[in-house]
Amino acid sequence: MRKIALVAAASAAALSLAACSEATEDAASDTAESAAADAEANMEAAGESMEAAGEEVAAEADAAAAEVEAEVEGETEAEAAAD
């Protein structure tokens, strides 16, 4: 009788651990998916910021080049920029 009760208790404990484990796996999966989505959104935002910064630097470089060319060639900056 004791052995039957012990086996039943062990079986119940194993089933409860399996149920907890499945819930934990589901929660971990959801957390990983959420983290991946957040990382993707952050990478996209960082890429957009870098692209905007690159465009700004290029525009400033073009303006500086036109200014130098205008000074060297004796032109207005608009004429130098048009060249």
PDB file of N, CA and C in Angstrom:
ATOM      1  N   MET A   1       0.818  -1.192   0.000  1.00  0.00           N
ATOM      2  CA  MET A   1       0.000   0.000   0.000  1.00  0.00           C
ATOM      3  C   MET A   1       0.864   1.259   0.000  1.00  0.00           C
ATOM      4  N   ARG A   2       1.927   1.189   0.765  1.00  0.00           N
ATOM      5  CA  ARG A   2       2.822   2.330   0.853  1.00  0.00           C
ATOM      6  C   ARG A   2       3.488   2.611  -0.487  1.00  0.00           C
ATOM      7  N   LYS A   3       3.881   1.546  -1.176  1.00  0.00           N
ATOM      8  CA  LYS A   3       4.541   1.699  -2.464  1.00  0.00           C
ATOM      9  C   LYS A   3       3.601   2.313  -3.495  1.00  0.00           C
ATOM     10  N   ILE A   4       2.337   1.938  -3.458  1.00  0.00           N
ATOM     11  CA  ILE A   4       1.354   2.486  -4.400  1.00  0.00           C
ATOM     12  C   ILE A   4       1.178   3.983  -4.152  1.00  0.00           C
ATOM     13  N   ALA A   5       1.089   4.370  -2.883  1.00  0.00           N
ATOM     14  CA  ALA A   5       0.937   5.791  -2.537  1.00  0.00           C
ATOM     15  C   ALA A   5       2.178   6.564  -2.949  1.00  0.00           C
ATOM     16  N   LEU A   6       3.332   5.974  -2.763  1.00  0.00           N
ATOM     17  CA  LEU A   6       4.591   6.624  -3.140  1.00  0.00           C
ATOM     18  C   LEU A   6       4.690   6.806  -4.655  1.00  0.00           C
ATOM     19  N   VAL A   7       4.291   5.773  -5.410  1.00  0.00           N
ATOM     20  CA  VAL A   7       4.302   5.852  -6.873  1.00  0.00           C
ATOM     21  C   VAL A   7       3.297   6.905  -7.346  1.00  0.00           C
ATOM     22  N   ALA A   8       2.124   6.948  -6.727  1.00  0.00           N
ATOM     23  CA  ALA A   8       1.104   7.938  -7.104  1.00  0.00           C
ATOM     24  C   ALA A   8       1.600   9.353  -6.819  1.00  0.00           C
ATOM     25  N   ALA A   9       2.233   9.537  -5.684  1.00  0.00           N
ATOM     26  CA  ALA A   9       2.763  10.868  -5.341  1.00  0.00           C
ATOM     27  C   ALA A   9       3.882  11.266  -6.290  1.00  0.00           C
ATOM     28  N   ALA A  10       4.744  10.335  -6.628  1.00  0.00           N
ATOM     29  CA  ALA A  10       5.836  10.626  -7.557  1.00  0.00           C
ATOM     30  C   ALA A  10       5.289  10.953  -8.940  1.00  0.00           C
ATOM     31  N   SER A  11       4.262  10.233  -9.369  1.00  0.00           N
ATOM     32  CA  SER A  11       3.645  10.497 -10.668  1.00  0.00           C
ATOM     33  C   SER A  11       3.001  11.874 -10.686  1.00  0.00           C
ATOM     34  N   ALA A  12       2.306  12.227  -9.623  1.00  0.00           N
ATOM     35  CA  ALA A  12       1.673  13.544  -9.539  1.00  0.00           C
ATOM     36  C   ALA A  12       2.726  14.647  -9.558  1.00  0.00           C
ATOM     37  N   ALA A  13       3.818  14.444  -8.873  1.00  0.00           N
ATOM     38  CA  ALA A  13       4.896  15.433  -8.854  1.00  0.00           C
ATOM     39  C   ALA A  13       5.516  15.580 -10.242  1.00  0.00           C
ATOM     40  N   ALA A  14       5.709  14.468 -10.932  1.00  0.00           N
ATOM     41  CA  ALA A  14       6.285  14.513 -12.284  1.00  0.00           C
ATOM     42  C   ALA A  14       5.355  15.243 -13.236  1.00  0.00           C
ATOM     43  N   LEU A  15       4.064  14.989 -13.142  1.00  0.00           N
ATOM     44  CA  LEU A  15       3.099  15.673 -14.011  1.00  0.00           C
ATOM     45  C   LEU A  15       3.052  17.180 -13.725  1.00  0.00           C
ATOM     46  N   SER A  16       3.106  17.544 -12.469  1.00  0.00           N
ATOM     47  CA  SER A  16       3.065  18.979 -12.139  1.00  0.00           C
ATOM     48  C   SER A  16       4.332  19.684 -12.611  1.00  0.00           C
ATOM     49  N   LEU A  17       5.470  19.010 -12.530  1.00  0.00           N
ATOM     50  CA  LEU A  17       6.713  19.598 -13.044  1.00  0.00           C
ATOM     51  C   LEU A  17       6.660  19.745 -14.557  1.00  0.00           C
ATOM     52  N   ALA A  18       6.089  18.776 -15.229  1.00  0.00           N
ATOM     53  CA  ALA A  18       5.975  18.844 -16.685  1.00  0.00           C
ATOM     54  C   ALA A  18       5.083  20.010 -17.091  1.00  0.00           C
ATOM     55  N   ALA A  19       3.985  20.221 -16.356  1.00  0.00           N
ATOM     56  CA  ALA A  19       3.078  21.325 -16.656  1.00  0.00           C
ATOM     57  C   ALA A  19       3.761  22.665 -16.419  1.00  0.00           C
ATOM     58  N   CYS A  20       4.491  22.775 -15.344  1.00  0.00           N
ATOM     59  CA  CYS A  20       5.213  24.025 -15.068  1.00  0.00           C
ATOM     60  C   CYS A  20       6.283  24.256 -16.124  1.00  0.00           C
ATOM     61  N   SER A  21       6.929  23.219 -16.516  1.00  0.00           N
ATOM     62  CA  SER A  21       7.984  23.337 -17.500  1.00  0.00           C
ATOM     63  C   SER A  21       7.423  23.822 -18.834  1.00  0.00           C
ATOM     64  N   GLU A  22       6.258  23.307 -19.236  1.00  0.00           N
ATOM     65  CA  GLU A  22       5.651  23.729 -20.497  1.00  0.00           C
ATOM     66  C   GLU A  22       5.265  25.206 -20.439  1.00  0.00           C
ATOM     67  N   ALA A  23       4.695  25.629 -19.330  1.00  0.00           N
ATOM     68  CA  ALA A  23       4.329  27.042 -19.180  1.00  0.00           C
ATOM     69  C   ALA A  23       5.571  27.924 -19.200  1.00  0.00           C
ATOM     70  N   THR A  24       6.625  27.452 -18.570  1.00  0.00           N
ATOM     71  CA  THR A  24       7.876  28.211 -18.564  1.00  0.00           C
ATOM     72  C   THR A  24       8.457  28.302 -19.963  1.00  0.00           C
ATOM     73  N   GLU A  25       8.400  27.205 -20.715  1.00  0.00           N
ATOM     74  CA  GLU A  25       8.893  27.220 -22.090  1.00  0.00           C
ATOM     75  C   GLU A  25       8.099  28.192 -22.947  1.00  0.00           C
ATOM     76  N   ASP A  26       6.777  28.217 -22.773  1.00  0.00           N
ATOM     77  CA  ASP A  26       5.931  29.142 -23.532  1.00  0.00           C
ATOM     78  C   ASP A  26       6.282  30.591 -23.196  1.00  0.00           C
ATOM     79  N   ALA A  27       6.458  30.863 -21.911  1.00  0.00           N
ATOM     80  CA  ALA A  27       6.804  32.222 -21.494  1.00  0.00           C
ATOM     81  C   ALA A  27       8.170  32.626 -22.029  1.00  0.00           C
ATOM     82  N   ALA A  28       9.106  31.696 -22.009  1.00  0.00           N
ATOM     83  CA  ALA A  28      10.442  31.982 -22.527  1.00  0.00           C
ATOM     84  C   ALA A  28      10.395  32.235 -24.028  1.00  0.00           C
ATOM     85  N   SER A  29       9.588  31.482 -24.728  1.00  0.00           N
ATOM     86  CA  SER A  29       9.438  31.667 -26.176  1.00  0.00           C
ATOM     87  C   SER A  29       8.835  33.029 -26.481  1.00  0.00           C
ATOM     88  N   ASP A  30       7.807  33.402 -25.736  1.00  0.00           N
ATOM     89  CA  ASP A  30       7.194  34.718 -25.928  1.00  0.00           C
ATOM     90  C   ASP A  30       8.184  35.838 -25.642  1.00  0.00           C
ATOM     91  N   THR A  31       8.969  35.669 -24.597  1.00  0.00           N
ATOM     92  CA  THR A  31       9.965  36.681 -24.236  1.00  0.00           C
ATOM     93  C   THR A  31      11.025  36.803 -25.322  1.00  0.00           C
ATOM     94  N   ALA A  32      11.469  35.685 -25.859  1.00  0.00           N
ATOM     95  CA  ALA A  32      12.481  35.717 -26.920  1.00  0.00           C
ATOM     96  C   ALA A  32      11.937  36.386 -28.174  1.00  0.00           C
ATOM     97  N   GLU A  33      10.688  36.080 -28.536  1.00  0.00           N
ATOM     98  CA  GLU A  33      10.082  36.708 -29.708  1.00  0.00           C
ATOM     99  C   GLU A  33       9.940  38.213 -29.509  1.00  0.00           C
ATOM    100  N   SER A  34       9.552  38.619 -28.316  1.00  0.00           N
ATOM    101  CA  SER A  34       9.410  40.045 -28.010  1.00  0.00           C
ATOM    102  C   SER A  34      10.763  40.752 -28.066  1.00  0.00           C
ATOM    103  N   ALA A  35      11.787  40.109 -27.534  1.00  0.00           N
ATOM    104  CA  ALA A  35      13.127  40.695 -27.563  1.00  0.00           C
ATOM    105  C   ALA A  35      13.628  40.820 -28.994  1.00  0.00           C
ATOM    106  N   ALA A  36      13.338  39.827 -29.823  1.00  0.00           N
ATOM    107  CA  ALA A  36      13.751  39.885 -31.229  1.00  0.00           C
ATOM    108  C   ALA A  36      13.039  41.015 -31.955  1.00  0.00           C
ATOM    109  N   ALA A  37      11.760  41.197 -31.682  1.00  0.00           N
ATOM    110  CA  ALA A  37      11.006  42.287 -32.312  1.00  0.00           C
ATOM    111  C   ALA A  37      11.547  43.644 -31.861  1.00  0.00           C
ATOM    112  N   ASP A  38      11.859  43.767 -30.581  1.00  0.00           N
ATOM    113  CA  ASP A  38      12.426  45.019 -30.073  1.00  0.00           C
ATOM    114  C   ASP A  38      13.785  45.300 -30.703  1.00  0.00           C
ATOM    115  N   ALA A  39      14.606  44.281 -30.811  1.00  0.00           N
ATOM    116  CA  ALA A  39      15.930  44.456 -31.414  1.00  0.00           C
ATOM    117  C   ALA A  39      15.804  44.876 -32.877  1.00  0.00           C
ATOM    118  N   GLU A  40      14.868  44.274 -33.592  1.00  0.00           N
ATOM    119  CA  GLU A  40      14.660  44.638 -34.998  1.00  0.00           C
ATOM    120  C   GLU A  40      14.210  46.090 -35.126  1.00  0.00           C
ATOM    121  N   ALA A  41      13.288  46.515 -34.274  1.00  0.00           N
ATOM    122  CA  ALA A  41      12.806  47.896 -34.313  1.00  0.00           C
ATOM    123  C   ALA A  41      13.936  48.869 -33.979  1.00  0.00           C
ATOM    124  N   ASN A  42      14.756  48.512 -32.990  1.00  0.00           N
ATOM    125  CA  ASN A  42      15.867  49.392 -32.617  1.00  0.00           C
ATOM    126  C   ASN A  42      16.910  49.477 -33.721  1.00  0.00           C
ATOM    127  N   MET A  43      17.182  48.359 -34.380  1.00  0.00           N
ATOM    128  CA  MET A  43      18.150  48.375 -35.481  1.00  0.00           C
ATOM    129  C   MET A  43      17.632  49.214 -36.648  1.00  0.00           C
ATOM    130  N   GLU A  44      16.345  49.120 -36.912  1.00  0.00           N
ATOM    131  CA  GLU A  44      15.762  49.912 -37.992  1.00  0.00           C
ATOM    132  C   GLU A  44      15.851  51.403 -37.671  1.00  0.00           C
ATOM    133  N   ALA A  45      15.542  51.772 -36.437  1.00  0.00           N
ATOM    134  CA  ALA A  45      15.625  53.172 -36.038  1.00  0.00           C
ATOM    135  C   ALA A  45      17.067  53.672 -36.093  1.00  0.00           C
ATOM    136  N   ALA A  46      18.001  52.843 -35.680  1.00  0.00           N
ATOM    137  CA  ALA A  46      19.417  53.230 -35.726  1.00  0.00           C
ATOM    138  C   ALA A  46      19.869  53.401 -37.169  1.00  0.00           C
ATOM    139  N   GLY A  47      19.426  52.531 -38.052  1.00  0.00           N
ATOM    140  CA  GLY A  47      19.775  52.636 -39.465  1.00  0.00           C
ATOM    141  C   GLY A  47      19.236  53.915 -40.077  1.00  0.00           C
ATOM    142  N   GLU A  48      18.008  54.258 -39.743  1.00  0.00           N
ATOM    143  CA  GLU A  48      17.419  55.492 -40.254  1.00  0.00           C
ATOM    144  C   GLU A  48      18.174  56.711 -39.734  1.00  0.00           C
ATOM    145  N   SER A  49      18.563  56.687 -38.470  1.00  0.00           N
ATOM    146  CA  SER A  49      19.323  57.803 -37.898  1.00  0.00           C
ATOM    147  C   SER A  49      20.681  57.938 -38.570  1.00  0.00           C
ATOM    148  N   MET A  50      21.335  56.810 -38.821  1.00  0.00           N
ATOM    149  CA  MET A  50      22.643  56.852 -39.477  1.00  0.00           C
ATOM    150  C   MET A  50      22.511  57.363 -40.907  1.00  0.00           C
ATOM    151  N   GLU A  51      21.462  56.962 -41.594  1.00  0.00           N
ATOM    152  CA  GLU A  51      21.247  57.422 -42.963  1.00  0.00           C
ATOM    153  C   GLU A  51      21.014  58.933 -42.984  1.00  0.00           C
ATOM    154  N   ALA A  52      20.208  59.428 -42.062  1.00  0.00           N
ATOM    155  CA  ALA A  52      19.943  60.861 -41.998  1.00  0.00           C
ATOM    156  C   ALA A  52      21.222  61.635 -41.675  1.00  0.00           C
ATOM    157  N   ALA A  53      22.030  61.099 -40.769  1.00  0.00           N
ATOM    158  CA  ALA A  53      23.287  61.760 -40.420  1.00  0.00           C
ATOM    159  C   ALA A  53      24.232  61.774 -41.619  1.00  0.00           C
ATOM    160  N   GLY A  54      24.271  60.697 -42.363  1.00  0.00           N
ATOM    161  CA  GLY A  54      25.113  60.633 -43.557  1.00  0.00           C
ATOM    162  C   GLY A  54      24.686  61.650 -44.599  1.00  0.00           C
ATOM    163  N   GLU A  55      23.377  61.776 -44.794  1.00  0.00           N
ATOM    164  CA  GLU A  55      22.869  62.760 -45.752  1.00  0.00           C
ATOM    165  C   GLU A  55      23.213  64.186 -45.306  1.00  0.00           C
ATOM    166  N   GLU A  56      23.134  64.440 -44.015  1.00  0.00           N
ATOM    167  CA  GLU A  56      23.461  65.764 -43.487  1.00  0.00           C
ATOM    168  C   GLU A  56      24.941  66.076 -43.704  1.00  0.00           C
ATOM    169  N   VAL A  57      25.797  65.115 -43.429  1.00  0.00           N
ATOM    170  CA  VAL A  57      27.239  65.309 -43.621  1.00  0.00           C
ATOM    171  C   VAL A  57      27.549  65.544 -45.101  1.00  0.00           C
ATOM    172  N   ALA A  58      26.894  64.795 -45.983  1.00  0.00           N
ATOM    173  CA  ALA A  58      27.119  64.965 -47.423  1.00  0.00           C
ATOM    174  C   ALA A  58      26.694  66.357 -47.874  1.00  0.00           C
ATOM    175  N   ALA A  59      25.572  66.835 -47.375  1.00  0.00           N
ATOM    176  CA  ALA A  59      25.098  68.171 -47.746  1.00  0.00           C
ATOM    177  C   ALA A  59      26.066  69.248 -47.254  1.00  0.00           C
ATOM    178  N   GLU A  60      26.568  69.078 -46.043  1.00  0.00           N
ATOM    179  CA  GLU A  60      27.530  70.046 -45.507  1.00  0.00           C
ATOM    180  C   GLU A  60      28.839  70.004 -46.292  1.00  0.00           C
ATOM    181  N   ALA A  61      29.266  68.828 -46.697  1.00  0.00           N
ATOM    182  CA  ALA A  61      30.491  68.701 -47.494  1.00  0.00           C
ATOM    183  C   ALA A  61      30.309  69.357 -48.855  1.00  0.00           C
ATOM    184  N   ASP A  62      29.152  69.182 -49.468  1.00  0.00           N
ATOM    185  CA  ASP A  62      28.876  69.823 -50.754  1.00  0.00           C
ATOM    186  C   ASP A  62      28.885  71.341 -50.618  1.00  0.00           C
ATOM    187  N   ALA A  63      28.292  71.844 -49.551  1.00  0.00           N
ATOM    188  CA  ALA A  63      28.266  73.294 -49.330  1.00  0.00           C
ATOM    189  C   ALA A  63      29.672  73.830 -49.101  1.00  0.00           C
ATOM    190  N   ALA A  64      30.470  73.098 -48.328  1.00  0.00           N
ATOM    191  CA  ALA A  64      31.846  73.530 -48.081  1.00  0.00           C
ATOM    192  C   ALA A  64      32.667  73.497 -49.364  1.00  0.00           C
ATOM    193  N   ALA A  65      32.463  72.484 -50.187  1.00  0.00           N
ATOM    194  CA  ALA A  65      33.187  72.387 -51.463  1.00  0.00           C
ATOM    195  C   ALA A  65      32.793  73.527 -52.387  1.00  0.00           C
ATOM    196  N   ALA A  66      31.524  73.875 -52.423  1.00  0.00           N
ATOM    197  CA  ALA A  66      31.068  74.990 -53.263  1.00  0.00           C
ATOM    198  C   ALA A  66      31.656  76.304 -52.769  1.00  0.00           C
ATOM    199  N   GLU A  67      31.748  76.455 -51.460  1.00  0.00           N
ATOM    200  CA  GLU A  67      32.327  77.676 -50.879  1.00  0.00           C
ATOM    201  C   GLU A  67      33.800  77.804 -51.264  1.00  0.00           C
ATOM    202  N   VAL A  68      34.540  76.719 -51.153  1.00  0.00           N
ATOM    203  CA  VAL A  68      35.968  76.740 -51.500  1.00  0.00           C
ATOM    204  C   VAL A  68      36.137  76.992 -52.991  1.00  0.00           C
ATOM    205  N   GLU A  69      35.340  76.311 -53.809  1.00  0.00           N
ATOM    206  CA  GLU A  69      35.440  76.503 -55.260  1.00  0.00           C
ATOM    207  C   GLU A  69      35.109  77.940 -55.638  1.00  0.00           C
ATOM    208  N   ALA A  70      34.085  78.512 -55.015  1.00  0.00           N
ATOM    209  CA  ALA A  70      33.718  79.892 -55.308  1.00  0.00           C
ATOM    210  C   ALA A  70      34.852  80.834 -54.965  1.00  0.00           C
ATOM    211  N   GLU A  71      35.511  80.592 -53.847  1.00  0.00           N
ATOM    212  CA  GLU A  71      36.614  81.446 -53.425  1.00  0.00           C
ATOM    213  C   GLU A  71      37.800  81.311 -54.382  1.00  0.00           C
ATOM    214  N   VAL A  72      38.108  80.087 -54.782  1.00  0.00           N
ATOM    215  CA  VAL A  72      39.253  79.845 -55.668  1.00  0.00           C
ATOM    216  C   VAL A  72      38.980  80.372 -57.076  1.00  0.00           C
ATOM    217  N   GLU A  73      37.792  80.147 -57.590  1.00  0.00           N
ATOM    218  CA  GLU A  73      37.450  80.508 -58.961  1.00  0.00           C
ATOM    219  C   GLU A  73      36.950  81.944 -59.092  1.00  0.00           C
ATOM    220  N   GLY A  74      36.695  82.605 -57.975  1.00  0.00           N
ATOM    221  CA  GLY A  74      36.173  83.962 -58.026  1.00  0.00           C
ATOM    222  C   GLY A  74      34.718  83.994 -58.449  1.00  0.00           C
ATOM    223  N   GLU A  75      33.964  82.998 -58.066  1.00  0.00           N
ATOM    224  CA  GLU A  75      32.537  82.898 -58.424  1.00  0.00           C
ATOM    225  C   GLU A  75      31.699  83.091 -57.176  1.00  0.00           C
ATOM    226  N   THR A  76      30.399  83.178 -57.407  1.00  0.00           N
ATOM    227  CA  THR A  76      29.485  83.135 -56.265  1.00  0.00           C
ATOM    228  C   THR A  76      29.325  81.664 -55.873  1.00  0.00           C
ATOM    229  N   GLU A  77      28.846  81.448 -54.666  1.00  0.00           N
ATOM    230  CA  GLU A  77      28.640  80.067 -54.234  1.00  0.00           C
ATOM    231  C   GLU A  77      27.595  79.366 -55.080  1.00  0.00           C
ATOM    232  N   ALA A  78      26.576  80.088 -55.544  1.00  0.00           N
ATOM    233  CA  ALA A  78      25.549  79.493 -56.391  1.00  0.00           C
ATOM    234  C   ALA A  78      26.157  79.031 -57.713  1.00  0.00           C
ATOM    235  N   GLU A  79      27.059  79.851 -58.302  1.00  0.00           N
ATOM    236  CA  GLU A  79      27.702  79.458 -59.540  1.00  0.00           C
ATOM    237  C   GLU A  79      28.595  78.240 -59.323  1.00  0.00           C
ATOM    238  N   ALA A  80      29.327  78.244 -58.229  1.00  0.00           N
ATOM    239  CA  ALA A  80      30.210  77.122 -57.932  1.00  0.00           C
ATOM    240  C   ALA A  80      29.404  75.849 -57.684  1.00  0.00           C
ATOM    241  N   ALA A  81      28.283  75.973 -57.028  1.00  0.00           N
ATOM    242  CA  ALA A  81      27.442  74.797 -56.753  1.00  0.00           C
ATOM    243  C   ALA A  81      26.831  74.252 -58.017  1.00  0.00           C
ATOM    244  N   ALA A  82      26.564  75.119 -58.979  1.00  0.00           N
ATOM    245  CA  ALA A  82      25.965  74.683 -60.247  1.00  0.00           C
ATOM    246  C   ALA A  82      26.982  73.919 -61.108  1.00  0.00           C
ATOM    247  N   ASP A  83      28.271  74.154 -60.888  1.00  0.00           N
ATOM    248  CA  ASP A  83      29.300  73.494 -61.715  1.00  0.00           C
ATOM    249  C   ASP A  83      29.328  72.045 -61.461  1.00  0.00           C
TER     250      ASP A  83
END
